[in-house]
């Protein structure tokens, strides 16, 4: 399984945890520009993944609430 597929399979909490780890690495280490670029790309994909999960859950919750009315 490639990195992109693994990121899609991560839970929201796992994605947030990985984002926090990336931020910590960026704050503490003098990263090579190529490594930094890869970290930024990974963080971007994780943010998109989190956003998609949040929108999906929001829609499902709204649907459930509508059914209760």
C-alpha atoms as a PDB file:
ATOM      1  CA  UNK A   1       0.000   0.000   0.000  1.00  0.00           C
ATOM      2  CA  UNK A   2       1.474   3.365  -0.963  1.00  0.00           C
ATOM      3  CA  UNK A   3       1.680   6.408   1.289  1.00  0.00           C
ATOM      4  CA  UNK A   4      -1.350   8.141  -0.226  1.00  0.00           C
ATOM      5  CA  UNK A   5      -3.541   5.076   0.261  1.00  0.00           C
ATOM      6  CA  UNK A   6      -2.299   4.700   3.837  1.00  0.00           C
ATOM      7  CA  UNK A   7      -3.190   8.331   4.556  1.00  0.00           C
ATOM      8  CA  UNK A   8      -6.726   7.771   3.225  1.00  0.00           C
ATOM      9  CA  UNK A   9      -7.103   4.768   5.555  1.00  0.00           C
ATOM     10  CA  UNK A  10      -5.983   6.720   8.623  1.00  0.00           C
ATOM     11  CA  UNK A  11      -8.596   7.715  11.145  1.00  0.00           C
ATOM     12  CA  UNK A  12      -9.181  11.391  11.831  1.00  0.00           C
ATOM     13  CA  UNK A  13      -7.323  11.070  15.145  1.00  0.00           C
ATOM     14  CA  UNK A  14      -4.364   9.338  13.467  1.00  0.00           C
ATOM     15  CA  UNK A  15      -4.194  12.055  10.818  1.00  0.00           C
ATOM     16  CA  UNK A  16      -4.232  14.806  13.439  1.00  0.00           C
ATOM     17  CA  UNK A  17      -1.553  12.993  15.431  1.00  0.00           C
ATOM     18  CA  UNK A  18       0.634  12.702  12.317  1.00  0.00           C
ATOM     19  CA  UNK A  19       0.085  16.396  11.547  1.00  0.00           C
ATOM     20  CA  UNK A  20       1.196  17.277  15.068  1.00  0.00           C
ATOM     21  CA  UNK A  21       4.319  15.137  14.615  1.00  0.00           C
ATOM     22  CA  UNK A  22       5.134  16.891  11.340  1.00  0.00           C
ATOM     23  CA  UNK A  23       4.732  20.309  12.953  1.00  0.00           C
ATOM     24  CA  UNK A  24       7.001  19.248  15.823  1.00  0.00           C
ATOM     25  CA  UNK A  25       9.648  18.029  13.364  1.00  0.00           C
ATOM     26  CA  UNK A  26       9.452  21.290  11.456  1.00  0.00           C
ATOM     27  CA  UNK A  27       9.771  23.355  14.634  1.00  0.00           C
ATOM     28  CA  UNK A  28      12.627  21.390  16.201  1.00  0.00           C
ATOM     29  CA  UNK A  29      14.794  20.243  13.331  1.00  0.00           C
ATOM     30  CA  UNK A  30      16.771  22.054  10.710  1.00  0.00           C
ATOM     31  CA  UNK A  31      15.218  20.053   7.896  1.00  0.00           C
ATOM     32  CA  UNK A  32      16.787  19.836   4.488  1.00  0.00           C
ATOM     33  CA  UNK A  33      14.710  21.765   1.962  1.00  0.00           C
ATOM     34  CA  UNK A  34      13.807  18.554   0.103  1.00  0.00           C
ATOM     35  CA  UNK A  35      12.674  16.849   3.315  1.00  0.00           C
ATOM     36  CA  UNK A  36      10.753  19.960   4.326  1.00  0.00           C
ATOM     37  CA  UNK A  37       9.015  19.994   0.944  1.00  0.00           C
ATOM     38  CA  UNK A  38       7.945  16.348   1.379  1.00  0.00           C
ATOM     39  CA  UNK A  39       6.670  17.061   4.904  1.00  0.00           C
ATOM     40  CA  UNK A  40       4.618  20.010   3.629  1.00  0.00           C
ATOM     41  CA  UNK A  41       3.117  17.858   0.861  1.00  0.00           C
ATOM     42  CA  UNK A  42       2.271  15.106   3.359  1.00  0.00           C
ATOM     43  CA  UNK A  43       0.719  17.634   5.743  1.00  0.00           C
ATOM     44  CA  UNK A  44      -1.359  19.042   2.901  1.00  0.00           C
ATOM     45  CA  UNK A  45      -2.712  15.589   2.023  1.00  0.00           C
ATOM     46  CA  UNK A  46      -3.487  14.905   5.682  1.00  0.00           C
ATOM     47  CA  UNK A  47      -5.360  18.201   6.013  1.00  0.00           C
ATOM     48  CA  UNK A  48      -7.445  17.368   2.932  1.00  0.00           C
ATOM     49  CA  UNK A  49      -8.149  13.925   4.385  1.00  0.00           C
ATOM     50  CA  UNK A  50      -9.244  15.432   7.721  1.00  0.00           C
ATOM     51  CA  UNK A  51     -11.448  17.989   5.979  1.00  0.00           C
ATOM     52  CA  UNK A  52     -13.125  15.256   3.905  1.00  0.00           C
ATOM     53  CA  UNK A  53     -13.782  13.170   7.011  1.00  0.00           C
ATOM     54  CA  UNK A  54     -15.244  16.160   8.857  1.00  0.00           C
ATOM     55  CA  UNK A  55     -17.570  17.051   5.968  1.00  0.00           C
ATOM     56  CA  UNK A  56     -18.681  13.430   5.668  1.00  0.00           C
ATOM     57  CA  UNK A  57     -19.439  13.145   9.383  1.00  0.00           C
ATOM     58  CA  UNK A  58     -21.197  16.518   9.357  1.00  0.00           C
ATOM     59  CA  UNK A  59     -23.450  15.368   6.530  1.00  0.00           C
ATOM     60  CA  UNK A  60     -24.226  12.085   8.248  1.00  0.00           C
ATOM     61  CA  UNK A  61     -25.050  13.803  11.537  1.00  0.00           C
ATOM     62  CA  UNK A  62     -27.336  16.281   9.765  1.00  0.00           C
ATOM     63  CA  UNK A  63     -29.088  13.386   8.020  1.00  0.00           C
ATOM     64  CA  UNK A  64     -29.620  11.574  11.331  1.00  0.00           C
ATOM     65  CA  UNK A  65     -30.968  14.727  12.958  1.00  0.00           C
ATOM     66  CA  UNK A  66     -33.370  15.303  10.067  1.00  0.00           C
ATOM     67  CA  UNK A  67     -34.656  11.740  10.412  1.00  0.00           C
ATOM     68  CA  UNK A  68     -35.373  12.362  14.098  1.00  0.00           C
ATOM     69  CA  UNK A  69     -37.656  15.310  13.360  1.00  0.00           C
END
